[in-house]
Amino acid sequence: MKEKISKALPFLVVGVVVFMLLSLHFGWLNAFFFDTEHADVQGIDYFSAPKSYLNLLEKRSMFDTWGGTAYGPHSTWYLAHPAFSVFVGSWFSFFSPWTSYWLFTLFSVALMAFSGWMISRASTDTFNQRLSIAVLLCAFPTYWLLFVGNIHAVLVVAITFILLGIFDLTYAENERQGQQKLMAGLLISFFSKPVVLLMLPLLLFTKETRKTTIKSLVIYGIVSLIFIVVPMFNPEGVGLQKLMTLNTDFIKQNMNIYKNNFVLNAFMKDNAMHWFNLIAQSEYKLMHVDVYSLPVFVDTIAGRETPAGIYKTPIYLSMLLSFFVLFINDKKIRLEATLLLIMAISLTFFLSYNTVWEYQFTSALPVIALLPILKEKDVFYKKYIPVMFGIGLFFCLPSLYCMVRKSELNSKAITLIRADRVIPALLLFVMMTVLLFNIIKQHIDTGTEENAEEKTQ
């Protein structure tokens, strides 16, 4: 049976991808998404990317999405790193809006396929190789990513490289290759969406990844500073001195796009908005049917707003585990724990950040695709991998919107829609952290102060 499925998988994947691309035009999958039936949102997340570069050519802020010459029928706000606009957005900016969208759609499919292919190379099992590609391409969040045109496929590549970098450091003899993949993943994320920031404490604590992480941070810092202080790249910048005076309260009250009713002030047109938005949105909950975060999920069930601080618990647990992994004496076990913790940290976004859209679950797909391959390596959590993989497959399935689309969208219906996204993310994170606590308990070696100092060097 396994051999038959393996032979059929390439044809299945090609068929699904072609079906998805045709559905973008004909709407065959519309019944599975709220917005396709109630709004006009195709390409809505995309048009701001090429528009940001066209703004720059007009000496206008890259973040002034709705100012200047219009590009495309609609758009969400550009929030990626300003370097992304120059290094990637520029490639697609000189085509007509819809031509540009379709070209970027093919580019995104290629990135998702590339991520699956890269993961497949870590396996020696033909079935697992083909399965990893199928997980990346045959998922409903992947279709929604293509539909709205978000740049998130770039982040999927980044997470893939980071996972494979640590995988190579653990199992491959070519350490240089592992370091190169790790650096590539970090830089791709830094210069698009900085979701990997929460991984930095672990990567800095771990001596095998510390040097590469520091190099990546230096490059990130230098390039980011250039995009803030050089007027050519930040034409409507308010100045570094003013930026330094902003405090957290001011940012939350004055630079939240939703509180401002999508009206941009001068500070929001500075390139530093890419980073300030993380603060501005840190406690704000957008109670919308399309938001798939744990905080909004719980608030909908409770019928009231719950304290934002409790949802930071996964982050605090991850930071605590990042410190204790350092003291696992066995190098192989330590790196296996590091890889598992990186996977767990990648899930904290869905549990701790308030505004999570369905397409963003594509960033969990590399984690799911890698799990069967890790089973080949006889990792310490081998017997739990089938369960984790089974839970993770819910990310590939459609949300449960199709079950309630013809009924009233009350709180119960909205909770059901989010259930097969939020609950699997929570279950996977809990399983991974429990496994990590157990392995740390078994293998931790604090030793003497001299030994602890040696581990950090």
Protein backbone atom coordinates (compact mmCIF):
# COMPACT_ATOMS: atom_id res chain seq x y z
CA MET A 1 0.00 0.00 0.00
CA LYS A 2 2.77 2.43 0.94
CA GLU A 3 4.55 1.74 -2.36
CA LYS A 4 1.38 2.36 -4.35
CA ILE A 5 0.73 5.65 -2.56
CA SER A 6 4.35 6.65 -3.13
CA LYS A 7 4.00 6.07 -6.88
CA ALA A 8 0.75 8.03 -7.00
CA LEU A 9 1.96 11.02 -4.95
CA PRO A 10 3.78 12.91 -7.77
CA PHE A 11 0.68 12.74 -9.96
CA LEU A 12 -1.52 13.76 -7.04
CA VAL A 13 0.68 16.77 -6.24
CA VAL A 14 0.77 17.96 -9.85
CA GLY A 15 -2.97 17.50 -10.13
CA VAL A 16 -3.68 19.42 -6.93
CA VAL A 17 -1.40 22.32 -7.90
CA VAL A 18 -2.99 22.61 -11.34
CA PHE A 19 -6.45 22.44 -9.74
CA MET A 20 -5.48 25.19 -7.29
CA LEU A 21 -4.18 27.46 -10.04
CA LEU A 22 -7.33 26.96 -12.10
CA SER A 23 -9.46 27.53 -9.01
CA LEU A 24 -7.83 30.93 -8.54
CA HIS A 25 -9.55 31.86 -11.79
CA PHE A 26 -12.74 29.79 -11.71
CA GLY A 27 -13.44 29.84 -7.95
CA TRP A 28 -13.92 26.09 -7.49
CA LEU A 29 -12.63 26.24 -3.90
CA ASN A 30 -14.57 29.34 -2.87
CA ALA A 31 -16.93 27.40 -0.62
CA PHE A 32 -14.08 26.66 1.80
CA PHE A 33 -13.27 30.30 2.65
CA PHE A 34 -15.36 33.05 4.19
CA ASP A 35 -13.82 35.89 2.21
CA THR A 36 -14.24 34.33 -1.22
CA GLU A 37 -18.01 34.28 -0.62
CA HIS A 38 -18.39 37.58 1.23
CA ALA A 39 -15.68 39.89 -0.06
CA ASP A 40 -13.41 40.71 -2.99
CA VAL A 41 -9.94 39.94 -1.68
CA GLN A 42 -8.02 38.16 -4.43
CA GLY A 43 -4.48 39.57 -4.47
CA ILE A 44 -5.29 41.95 -1.64
CA ASP A 45 -2.07 41.19 0.28
CA TYR A 46 0.06 41.30 -2.84
CA PHE A 47 -0.39 44.65 -4.55
CA SER A 48 1.29 46.62 -1.74
CA ALA A 49 4.63 44.86 -2.41
CA PRO A 50 5.29 46.14 -5.96
CA LYS A 51 3.51 49.39 -5.01
CA SER A 52 6.08 49.93 -2.25
CA TYR A 53 8.90 49.97 -4.79
CA LEU A 54 6.97 52.24 -7.16
CA ASN A 55 6.49 54.58 -4.20
CA LEU A 56 10.24 54.63 -3.69
CA LEU A 57 10.76 55.64 -7.31
CA GLU A 58 8.33 58.52 -6.67
CA LYS A 59 10.32 59.49 -3.55
CA ARG A 60 7.36 58.45 -1.44
CA SER A 61 7.38 56.22 1.63
CA MET A 62 7.32 52.49 0.87
CA PHE A 63 4.76 52.19 3.66
CA ASP A 64 2.38 54.76 2.12
CA THR A 65 0.39 51.97 0.49
CA TRP A 66 -2.68 54.06 -0.34
CA GLY A 67 -0.90 57.25 -1.36
CA GLY A 68 0.39 58.34 -4.76
CA THR A 69 -0.35 56.42 -7.95
CA ALA A 70 -2.84 53.60 -7.41
CA TYR A 71 -1.68 50.04 -8.10
CA GLY A 72 -4.23 47.24 -8.20
CA PRO A 73 -7.89 47.30 -7.16
CA HIS A 74 -7.30 46.92 -3.40
CA SER A 75 -4.52 46.36 -0.93
CA THR A 76 -3.60 45.67 2.65
CA TRP A 77 -0.81 47.68 4.23
CA TYR A 78 2.81 46.97 3.27
CA LEU A 79 4.66 45.83 6.40
CA ALA A 80 7.56 43.69 5.19
CA HIS A 81 11.17 44.74 5.68
CA PRO A 82 11.95 47.72 3.43
CA ALA A 83 14.75 45.69 1.85
CA PHE A 84 12.18 43.20 0.56
CA SER A 85 10.63 45.95 -1.54
CA VAL A 86 13.96 46.65 -3.24
CA PHE A 87 15.30 43.11 -3.50
CA VAL A 88 12.07 41.28 -4.46
CA GLY A 89 9.11 43.63 -4.89
CA SER A 90 10.98 45.52 -7.59
CA TRP A 91 11.07 42.40 -9.81
CA PHE A 92 7.29 42.50 -10.23
CA SER A 93 6.63 46.25 -10.09
CA PHE A 94 6.87 47.05 -13.80
CA PHE A 95 4.08 44.72 -14.91
CA SER A 96 0.39 45.57 -14.88
CA PRO A 97 -1.15 44.72 -11.48
CA TRP A 98 -2.90 41.48 -12.43
CA THR A 99 -0.06 40.25 -14.62
CA SER A 100 2.24 40.94 -11.70
CA TYR A 101 -0.07 39.04 -9.34
CA TRP A 102 -0.10 35.92 -11.55
CA LEU A 103 3.67 36.02 -11.96
CA PHE A 104 4.07 36.26 -8.20
CA THR A 105 1.61 33.39 -7.77
CA LEU A 106 3.82 31.16 -9.91
CA PHE A 107 6.84 32.45 -7.96
CA SER A 108 5.13 31.48 -4.67
CA VAL A 109 4.28 28.00 -5.98
CA ALA A 110 7.94 27.60 -6.97
CA LEU A 111 9.05 28.67 -3.47
CA MET A 112 6.70 26.20 -1.80
CA ALA A 113 7.85 23.42 -4.14
CA PHE A 114 11.47 24.36 -3.49
CA SER A 115 10.89 24.15 0.28
CA GLY A 116 9.36 20.70 -0.07
CA TRP A 117 12.17 19.56 -2.33
CA MET A 118 14.82 20.82 0.09
CA ILE A 119 13.20 18.90 2.94
CA SER A 120 12.90 15.78 0.76
CA ARG A 121 16.66 15.76 0.23
CA ALA A 122 17.14 15.09 3.94
CA SER A 123 15.42 11.70 3.54
CA THR A 124 16.56 8.41 2.06
CA ASP A 125 13.00 7.06 1.92
CA THR A 126 11.19 7.68 -1.38
CA PHE A 127 7.77 7.83 0.28
CA ASN A 128 8.90 10.44 2.82
CA GLN A 129 10.60 12.43 0.08
CA ARG A 130 7.41 12.68 -1.93
CA LEU A 131 5.28 13.17 1.16
CA SER A 132 7.27 16.24 2.21
CA ILE A 133 6.60 17.93 -1.12
CA ALA A 134 2.91 17.00 -0.92
CA VAL A 135 2.55 18.53 2.55
CA LEU A 136 3.91 21.88 1.34
CA LEU A 137 1.88 22.07 -1.87
CA CYS A 138 -1.37 20.19 -1.17
CA ALA A 139 -2.60 22.26 1.77
CA PHE A 140 -5.55 24.61 1.96
CA PRO A 141 -3.48 27.36 3.64
CA THR A 142 -1.19 27.15 0.59
CA TYR A 143 -4.15 27.81 -1.68
CA TRP A 144 -5.25 30.74 0.47
CA LEU A 145 -1.70 32.09 0.42
CA LEU A 146 -1.86 32.11 -3.38
CA PHE A 147 -5.34 33.60 -3.42
CA VAL A 148 -4.54 36.66 -1.30
CA GLY A 149 -1.05 36.92 -2.78
CA ASN A 150 0.81 37.31 0.51
CA ILE A 151 4.62 37.13 0.48
CA HIS A 152 4.55 34.44 3.19
CA ALA A 153 6.02 31.78 0.89
CA VAL A 154 9.33 33.57 1.37
CA LEU A 155 9.08 32.96 5.12
CA VAL A 156 8.29 29.28 4.47
CA VAL A 157 11.63 29.06 2.64
CA ALA A 158 13.34 30.78 5.59
CA ILE A 159 11.93 28.35 8.17
CA THR A 160 12.81 25.43 5.89
CA PHE A 161 16.44 26.54 5.71
CA ILE A 162 16.67 27.05 9.48
CA LEU A 163 15.23 23.60 10.22
CA LEU A 164 17.51 21.94 7.68
CA GLY A 165 20.51 23.90 8.89
CA ILE A 166 20.15 22.47 12.39
CA PHE A 167 19.23 19.07 10.92
CA ASP A 168 22.54 19.06 9.01
CA LEU A 169 24.48 20.15 12.08
CA THR A 170 22.95 17.22 13.94
CA TYR A 171 23.19 14.44 11.37
CA ALA A 172 25.22 15.47 8.32
CA GLU A 173 28.99 15.41 8.19
CA ASN A 174 29.12 18.68 6.22
CA GLU A 175 28.93 21.29 8.98
CA ARG A 176 29.61 24.12 6.54
CA GLN A 177 26.47 23.24 4.61
CA GLY A 178 24.43 23.35 7.81
CA GLN A 179 25.79 26.77 8.76
CA GLN A 180 25.09 28.12 5.26
CA LYS A 181 21.47 26.95 5.40
CA LEU A 182 21.03 28.43 8.87
CA MET A 183 22.39 31.80 7.78
CA ALA A 184 20.26 31.78 4.63
CA GLY A 185 17.13 31.07 6.66
CA LEU A 186 17.84 33.78 9.21
CA LEU A 187 18.61 36.43 6.60
CA ILE A 188 15.59 35.58 4.43
CA SER A 189 13.34 35.95 7.47
CA PHE A 190 15.06 39.10 8.71
CA PHE A 191 14.61 40.80 5.35
CA SER A 192 10.97 39.78 4.88
CA LYS A 193 9.06 38.92 8.07
CA PRO A 194 11.13 38.69 11.29
CA VAL A 195 9.14 35.78 12.77
CA VAL A 196 12.39 34.03 13.73
CA LEU A 197 13.26 36.68 16.32
CA LEU A 198 11.97 34.41 19.10
CA MET A 199 14.46 31.74 18.00
CA LEU A 200 17.44 34.00 18.58
CA PRO A 201 18.01 33.30 22.32
CA LEU A 202 18.23 29.56 21.62
CA LEU A 203 20.48 30.04 18.58
CA LEU A 204 22.74 32.37 20.55
CA PHE A 205 22.87 30.05 23.57
CA THR A 206 23.78 27.02 21.44
CA LYS A 207 27.49 27.11 20.62
CA GLU A 208 27.05 25.24 17.32
CA THR A 209 24.77 28.00 15.97
CA ARG A 210 26.04 31.07 17.84
CA LYS A 211 28.67 32.30 15.39
CA THR A 212 26.39 32.08 12.36
CA THR A 213 23.56 33.79 14.24
CA ILE A 214 25.81 36.68 15.27
CA LYS A 215 27.03 37.12 11.68
CA SER A 216 23.43 37.18 10.47
CA LEU A 217 22.46 39.75 13.10
CA VAL A 218 25.37 42.01 12.13
CA ILE A 219 24.34 41.91 8.46
CA TYR A 220 20.72 42.49 9.45
CA GLY A 221 21.63 45.42 11.65
CA ILE A 222 23.82 47.14 9.05
CA VAL A 223 21.35 46.76 6.18
CA SER A 224 18.39 47.79 8.37
CA LEU A 225 20.22 50.90 9.55
CA ILE A 226 20.96 51.86 5.94
CA PHE A 227 17.25 51.61 5.13
CA ILE A 228 16.44 53.94 8.04
CA VAL A 229 19.14 56.63 7.78
CA VAL A 230 19.69 56.89 4.00
CA PRO A 231 17.02 59.28 2.57
CA MET A 232 17.00 57.53 -0.81
CA PHE A 233 15.61 54.40 0.88
CA ASN A 234 13.53 56.23 3.52
CA PRO A 235 12.22 59.32 1.72
CA GLU A 236 9.63 60.20 4.39
CA GLY A 237 11.70 59.28 7.43
CA VAL A 238 11.14 61.33 10.58
CA GLY A 239 14.78 61.06 11.63
CA LEU A 240 16.64 58.69 13.91
CA GLN A 241 16.54 61.15 16.80
CA LYS A 242 12.74 61.28 16.83
CA LEU A 243 12.47 57.53 16.50
CA MET A 244 14.64 57.11 19.58
CA THR A 245 12.19 59.18 21.65
CA LEU A 246 9.16 56.95 20.97
CA ASN A 247 7.98 54.80 23.85
CA THR A 248 5.87 51.67 23.87
CA ASP A 249 2.66 53.41 24.99
CA PHE A 250 2.92 56.01 22.21
CA ILE A 251 3.44 53.31 19.60
CA LYS A 252 0.45 51.26 20.80
CA GLN A 253 -1.85 54.30 20.95
CA ASN A 254 -0.79 56.12 17.79
CA MET A 255 0.68 53.59 15.37
CA ASN A 256 -1.95 50.83 15.35
CA ILE A 257 -3.39 50.67 11.84
CA TYR A 258 -6.77 49.42 13.08
CA LYS A 259 -7.16 52.02 15.82
CA ASN A 260 -6.20 54.70 13.28
CA ASN A 261 -8.89 53.50 10.85
CA PHE A 262 -6.17 52.87 8.24
CA VAL A 263 -5.00 56.49 8.31
CA LEU A 264 -1.21 56.82 8.37
CA ASN A 265 0.57 59.48 10.40
CA ALA A 266 4.14 60.66 9.77
CA PHE A 267 5.69 58.03 12.06
CA MET A 268 3.87 55.25 10.22
CA LYS A 269 5.48 56.31 6.95
CA ASP A 270 8.99 55.88 8.33
CA ASN A 271 10.70 52.59 7.43
CA ALA A 272 11.02 51.87 11.14
CA MET A 273 7.30 51.05 11.06
CA HIS A 274 8.30 47.54 10.01
CA TRP A 275 9.57 46.99 13.56
CA PHE A 276 7.18 49.31 15.43
CA ASN A 277 4.19 47.40 14.10
CA LEU A 278 5.23 44.41 16.20
CA ILE A 279 4.80 46.60 19.27
CA ALA A 280 1.68 48.36 17.99
CA GLN A 281 -0.12 45.04 17.44
CA SER A 282 1.29 43.22 20.48
CA GLU A 283 -1.85 43.55 22.65
CA TYR A 284 -4.52 44.49 20.13
CA LYS A 285 -7.06 41.80 19.26
CA LEU A 286 -8.87 42.03 15.94
CA MET A 287 -12.11 40.11 16.49
CA HIS A 288 -12.68 39.02 12.91
CA VAL A 289 -13.83 35.68 11.51
CA ASP A 290 -10.60 35.43 9.50
CA VAL A 291 -8.32 35.68 12.54
CA TYR A 292 -7.04 32.28 13.71
CA SER A 293 -5.03 33.04 16.84
CA LEU A 294 -5.38 31.37 20.24
CA PRO A 295 -6.17 34.68 22.03
CA VAL A 296 -9.06 35.48 19.68
CA PHE A 297 -10.20 31.84 19.75
CA VAL A 298 -10.42 31.87 23.56
CA ASP A 299 -12.04 35.33 23.71
CA THR A 300 -14.75 34.18 21.29
CA ILE A 301 -15.52 31.14 23.45
CA ALA A 302 -15.41 33.14 26.69
CA GLY A 303 -17.50 35.97 25.25
CA ARG A 304 -15.17 38.54 26.82
CA GLU A 305 -11.62 39.78 26.56
CA THR A 306 -9.11 37.70 28.49
CA PRO A 307 -5.79 39.11 29.78
CA ALA A 308 -3.25 39.42 26.95
CA GLY A 309 -0.39 38.41 29.25
CA ILE A 310 -1.48 34.80 29.64
CA TYR A 311 -0.88 34.18 25.93
CA LYS A 312 2.78 35.05 26.34
CA THR A 313 3.21 31.83 28.36
CA PRO A 314 4.36 29.82 25.28
CA ILE A 315 7.03 32.45 24.67
CA TYR A 316 8.21 32.34 28.29
CA LEU A 317 8.30 28.53 28.20
CA SER A 318 10.33 28.63 25.00
CA MET A 319 12.83 31.06 26.51
CA LEU A 320 13.15 28.90 29.63
CA LEU A 321 13.75 25.78 27.56
CA SER A 322 16.24 27.67 25.39
CA PHE A 323 18.37 28.25 28.47
CA PHE A 324 18.18 24.72 29.84
CA VAL A 325 18.91 23.02 26.50
CA LEU A 326 22.35 24.60 26.84
CA PHE A 327 23.15 22.23 29.70
CA ILE A 328 22.42 18.95 27.90
CA ASN A 329 25.83 17.31 27.88
CA ASP A 330 25.41 14.92 24.92
CA LYS A 331 25.96 16.93 21.72
CA LYS A 332 23.62 14.86 19.53
CA ILE A 333 20.82 14.94 22.09
CA ARG A 334 21.38 18.68 22.60
CA LEU A 335 21.10 19.41 18.89
CA GLU A 336 18.05 17.14 18.55
CA ALA A 337 16.45 19.07 21.42
CA THR A 338 17.44 22.34 19.74
CA LEU A 339 15.73 21.29 16.52
CA LEU A 340 12.58 20.21 18.37
CA LEU A 341 12.54 23.50 20.28
CA ILE A 342 12.92 25.48 17.05
CA MET A 343 9.85 23.65 15.76
CA ALA A 344 7.96 24.47 18.96
CA ILE A 345 8.99 28.13 18.82
CA SER A 346 7.71 28.37 15.25
CA LEU A 347 4.26 27.46 16.63
CA THR A 348 4.23 30.17 19.32
CA PHE A 349 3.20 32.72 16.68
CA PHE A 350 -0.23 31.08 16.45
CA LEU A 351 -0.57 30.92 20.23
CA SER A 352 0.88 34.23 21.42
CA TYR A 353 0.38 36.73 18.60
CA ASN A 354 -3.11 38.19 18.36
CA THR A 355 -3.57 38.63 14.63
CA VAL A 356 -3.03 35.37 12.75
CA TRP A 357 -4.44 34.85 9.25
CA GLU A 358 -5.12 31.42 7.76
CA TYR A 359 -2.39 31.63 5.11
CA GLN A 360 0.19 32.05 7.89
CA PHE A 361 -0.25 28.38 8.82
CA THR A 362 1.87 27.61 5.77
CA SER A 363 4.87 28.40 7.98
CA ALA A 364 4.00 25.30 10.05
CA LEU A 365 4.08 23.04 7.00
CA PRO A 366 7.91 22.60 6.91
CA VAL A 367 7.73 21.40 10.52
CA ILE A 368 5.08 18.81 9.63
CA ALA A 369 6.94 17.72 6.49
CA LEU A 370 10.16 17.15 8.43
CA LEU A 371 8.64 14.98 11.16
CA PRO A 372 8.54 11.65 9.21
CA ILE A 373 12.13 12.24 8.10
CA LEU A 374 13.21 12.73 11.72
CA LYS A 375 11.72 9.34 12.51
CA GLU A 376 14.30 7.83 10.15
CA LYS A 377 17.02 9.24 12.44
CA ASP A 378 15.74 7.50 15.56
CA VAL A 379 15.32 10.71 17.56
CA PHE A 380 14.49 10.52 21.26
CA TYR A 381 10.82 11.34 20.55
CA LYS A 382 10.53 8.84 17.68
CA LYS A 383 7.47 7.01 19.01
CA TYR A 384 5.51 10.26 19.28
CA ILE A 385 6.17 11.39 15.70
CA PRO A 386 3.18 9.57 14.12
CA VAL A 387 0.85 11.31 16.59
CA MET A 388 2.46 14.71 15.99
CA PHE A 389 2.34 14.21 12.24
CA GLY A 390 -1.30 13.20 12.40
CA ILE A 391 -2.15 16.32 14.40
CA GLY A 392 -0.11 18.47 12.02
CA LEU A 393 -2.01 17.17 8.99
CA PHE A 394 -5.03 19.17 10.20
CA PHE A 395 -3.13 22.25 8.98
CA CYS A 396 -3.39 20.84 5.46
CA LEU A 397 -7.14 20.29 5.61
CA PRO A 398 -9.72 23.02 4.99
CA SER A 399 -11.01 25.01 7.92
CA LEU A 400 -14.48 24.01 9.04
CA TYR A 401 -16.08 27.08 7.45
CA CYS A 402 -17.67 24.88 4.79
CA MET A 403 -19.73 23.20 7.54
CA VAL A 404 -21.32 26.45 8.74
CA ARG A 405 -21.27 28.62 5.60
CA LYS A 406 -25.04 28.47 5.18
CA SER A 407 -25.85 29.07 8.84
CA GLU A 408 -25.63 32.15 11.03
CA LEU A 409 -22.05 33.05 11.85
CA ASN A 410 -22.47 33.31 15.62
CA SER A 411 -19.72 32.72 18.18
CA LYS A 412 -20.22 28.94 18.12
CA ALA A 413 -19.86 28.80 14.34
CA ILE A 414 -16.79 31.05 14.36
CA THR A 415 -15.21 28.91 17.08
CA LEU A 416 -15.76 25.81 14.95
CA ILE A 417 -14.18 27.50 11.93
CA ARG A 418 -10.99 28.16 13.88
CA ALA A 419 -10.89 24.86 15.76
CA ASP A 420 -8.86 22.75 13.30
CA ARG A 421 -6.19 25.41 13.09
CA VAL A 422 -5.76 26.64 16.68
CA ILE A 423 -6.26 23.38 18.58
CA PRO A 424 -3.67 21.37 16.55
CA ALA A 425 -1.15 24.20 17.01
CA LEU A 426 -1.73 24.17 20.76
CA LEU A 427 -1.57 20.36 21.00
CA LEU A 428 1.66 20.19 19.02
CA PHE A 429 3.28 22.89 21.12
CA VAL A 430 2.27 21.17 24.36
CA MET A 431 3.56 17.80 23.15
CA MET A 432 6.87 19.27 22.03
CA THR A 433 7.45 21.20 25.24
CA VAL A 434 6.56 18.21 27.44
CA LEU A 435 9.03 16.08 25.47
CA LEU A 436 11.68 18.76 25.84
CA PHE A 437 11.13 19.06 29.60
CA ASN A 438 11.49 15.28 29.94
CA ILE A 439 14.67 15.07 27.88
CA ILE A 440 16.20 18.01 29.73
CA LYS A 441 15.33 16.35 33.04
CA GLN A 442 17.06 13.16 31.91
CA HIS A 443 20.15 14.68 30.30
CA ILE A 444 20.76 18.03 31.96
CA ASP A 445 24.24 18.42 33.35
CA THR A 446 24.77 21.71 35.15
CA GLY A 447 28.06 20.44 36.55
CA THR A 448 30.46 22.93 38.06
CA GLU A 449 30.69 26.60 37.25
CA GLU A 450 33.72 25.74 35.10
CA ASN A 451 31.72 23.23 33.06
CA ALA A 452 28.87 25.67 32.60
CA GLU A 453 31.30 28.34 31.45
CA GLU A 454 32.93 25.89 29.00
CA LYS A 455 29.52 25.14 27.39
CA THR A 456 28.94 28.81 26.63
CA GLN A 457 32.27 29.28 24.90
